[in-house]
Amino acid sequence: MSASKVIKQLMAETGTTVRELAAGMGCTPHSFSNRLCRGTFTYTDYLKIVSLMGCTVQTVTSTGKAFQNDYEPDVPEEQAK
């Protein structure tokens, strides 16, 4: 399943609007909607979008070990010190 399909399902499940996600992503609703239709999200975008809806992403190995994939905002180097 594509990231866009998952995002659309999560939006329906959580009642989140395109406008809300666009604001969280720092873009216009029109731009976000276009990206959603085209499926042009990076993995980092995907992590941020699902975190805006209160969700998380996990990677599970074939042995069943799960790794949490959390969105970590970019912090400028001078702020990280």
C-alpha atoms as a PDB file:
ATOM      1  CA  MET A   1       0.000   0.000   0.000  1.00  0.00           C
ATOM      2  CA  SER A   2       1.339   3.438  -0.880  1.00  0.00           C
ATOM      3  CA  ALA A   3       2.149   6.083   1.708  1.00  0.00           C
ATOM      4  CA  SER A   4      -0.588   8.311   0.275  1.00  0.00           C
ATOM      5  CA  LYS A   5      -3.205   5.591   0.758  1.00  0.00           C
ATOM      6  CA  VAL A   6      -2.094   5.041   4.352  1.00  0.00           C
ATOM      7  CA  ILE A   7      -2.182   8.789   5.009  1.00  0.00           C
ATOM      8  CA  LYS A   8      -5.701   9.052   3.545  1.00  0.00           C
ATOM      9  CA  GLN A   9      -6.895   6.137   5.686  1.00  0.00           C
ATOM     10  CA  LEU A  10      -5.355   7.676   8.807  1.00  0.00           C
ATOM     11  CA  MET A  11      -6.944  11.029   7.965  1.00  0.00           C
ATOM     12  CA  ALA A  12     -10.359   9.354   7.771  1.00  0.00           C
ATOM     13  CA  GLU A  13      -9.749   7.389  10.977  1.00  0.00           C
ATOM     14  CA  THR A  14      -8.510  10.390  12.984  1.00  0.00           C
ATOM     15  CA  GLY A  15     -10.731  13.063  11.427  1.00  0.00           C
ATOM     16  CA  THR A  16      -7.683  15.070  10.360  1.00  0.00           C
ATOM     17  CA  THR A  17      -8.107  17.533   7.496  1.00  0.00           C
ATOM     18  CA  VAL A  18      -5.796  18.437   4.631  1.00  0.00           C
ATOM     19  CA  ARG A  19      -5.720  21.970   6.047  1.00  0.00           C
ATOM     20  CA  GLU A  20      -4.464  20.721   9.437  1.00  0.00           C
ATOM     21  CA  LEU A  21      -1.753  18.554   7.902  1.00  0.00           C
ATOM     22  CA  ALA A  22      -0.698  21.313   5.512  1.00  0.00           C
ATOM     23  CA  ALA A  23      -0.283  23.706   8.447  1.00  0.00           C
ATOM     24  CA  GLY A  24       1.808  21.123  10.293  1.00  0.00           C
ATOM     25  CA  MET A  25       3.955  20.564   7.213  1.00  0.00           C
ATOM     26  CA  GLY A  26       4.391  24.285   6.565  1.00  0.00           C
ATOM     27  CA  CYS A  27       2.722  24.343   3.153  1.00  0.00           C
ATOM     28  CA  THR A  28      -0.599  25.352   1.632  1.00  0.00           C
ATOM     29  CA  PRO A  29      -3.565  22.972   1.602  1.00  0.00           C
ATOM     30  CA  HIS A  30      -3.440  23.012  -2.218  1.00  0.00           C
ATOM     31  CA  SER A  31       0.242  22.018  -2.239  1.00  0.00           C
ATOM     32  CA  PHE A  32      -0.318  19.279   0.347  1.00  0.00           C
ATOM     33  CA  SER A  33      -3.320  17.943  -1.565  1.00  0.00           C
ATOM     34  CA  ASN A  34      -1.279  17.812  -4.781  1.00  0.00           C
ATOM     35  CA  ARG A  35       1.511  15.914  -3.032  1.00  0.00           C
ATOM     36  CA  LEU A  36      -1.051  13.544  -1.518  1.00  0.00           C
ATOM     37  CA  CYS A  37      -2.534  12.812  -4.965  1.00  0.00           C
ATOM     38  CA  ARG A  38       0.894  12.344  -6.572  1.00  0.00           C
ATOM     39  CA  GLY A  39       2.388  10.423  -3.659  1.00  0.00           C
ATOM     40  CA  THR A  40       5.491  12.614  -3.563  1.00  0.00           C
ATOM     41  CA  PHE A  41       6.359  12.351   0.132  1.00  0.00           C
ATOM     42  CA  THR A  42       9.792  11.491   1.468  1.00  0.00           C
ATOM     43  CA  TYR A  43      10.081   8.982   4.279  1.00  0.00           C
ATOM     44  CA  THR A  44      10.787  11.855   6.679  1.00  0.00           C
ATOM     45  CA  ASP A  45       7.633  13.610   5.425  1.00  0.00           C
ATOM     46  CA  TYR A  46       5.678  10.410   6.035  1.00  0.00           C
ATOM     47  CA  LEU A  47       6.996  10.112   9.592  1.00  0.00           C
ATOM     48  CA  LYS A  48       6.094  13.743  10.302  1.00  0.00           C
ATOM     49  CA  ILE A  49       2.614  13.422   8.784  1.00  0.00           C
ATOM     50  CA  VAL A  50       1.692  10.319  10.775  1.00  0.00           C
ATOM     51  CA  SER A  51       3.101  11.889  13.954  1.00  0.00           C
ATOM     52  CA  LEU A  52       0.875  14.948  13.357  1.00  0.00           C
ATOM     53  CA  MET A  53      -2.062  12.516  13.498  1.00  0.00           C
ATOM     54  CA  GLY A  54      -0.820  10.926  16.729  1.00  0.00           C
ATOM     55  CA  CYS A  55       0.455   7.753  15.069  1.00  0.00           C
ATOM     56  CA  THR A  56       3.799   5.970  14.939  1.00  0.00           C
ATOM     57  CA  VAL A  57       5.682   3.806  12.439  1.00  0.00           C
ATOM     58  CA  GLN A  58       7.441   0.533  13.262  1.00  0.00           C
ATOM     59  CA  THR A  59       9.844  -1.658  11.339  1.00  0.00           C
ATOM     60  CA  VAL A  60       9.521  -5.326  12.297  1.00  0.00           C
ATOM     61  CA  THR A  61      12.231  -7.838  11.399  1.00  0.00           C
ATOM     62  CA  SER A  62      11.497 -11.381  10.262  1.00  0.00           C
ATOM     63  CA  THR A  63      12.337 -12.531  13.796  1.00  0.00           C
ATOM     64  CA  GLY A  64       9.686 -10.239  15.238  1.00  0.00           C
ATOM     65  CA  LYS A  65      11.973  -7.574  16.683  1.00  0.00           C
ATOM     66  CA  ALA A  66      10.316  -4.147  16.363  1.00  0.00           C
ATOM     67  CA  PHE A  67      12.067  -0.817  15.915  1.00  0.00           C
ATOM     68  CA  GLN A  68      10.188   2.416  16.482  1.00  0.00           C
ATOM     69  CA  ASN A  69      10.676   4.960  13.687  1.00  0.00           C
ATOM     70  CA  ASP A  70       9.990   8.372  15.212  1.00  0.00           C
ATOM     71  CA  TYR A  71       9.952  11.741  13.521  1.00  0.00           C
ATOM     72  CA  GLU A  72      12.830  13.858  14.775  1.00  0.00           C
ATOM     73  CA  PRO A  73      12.685  17.476  13.632  1.00  0.00           C
ATOM     74  CA  ASP A  74      15.853  18.872  12.125  1.00  0.00           C
ATOM     75  CA  VAL A  75      17.610  21.037  14.687  1.00  0.00           C
ATOM     76  CA  PRO A  76      20.073  23.587  13.345  1.00  0.00           C
ATOM     77  CA  GLU A  77      23.597  22.800  14.545  1.00  0.00           C
ATOM     78  CA  GLU A  78      23.896  25.993  16.592  1.00  0.00           C
ATOM     79  CA  GLN A  79      20.693  25.110  18.513  1.00  0.00           C
ATOM     80  CA  ALA A  80      21.845  21.549  19.187  1.00  0.00           C
ATOM     81  CA  LYS A  81      24.759  22.777  21.301  1.00  0.00           C
END
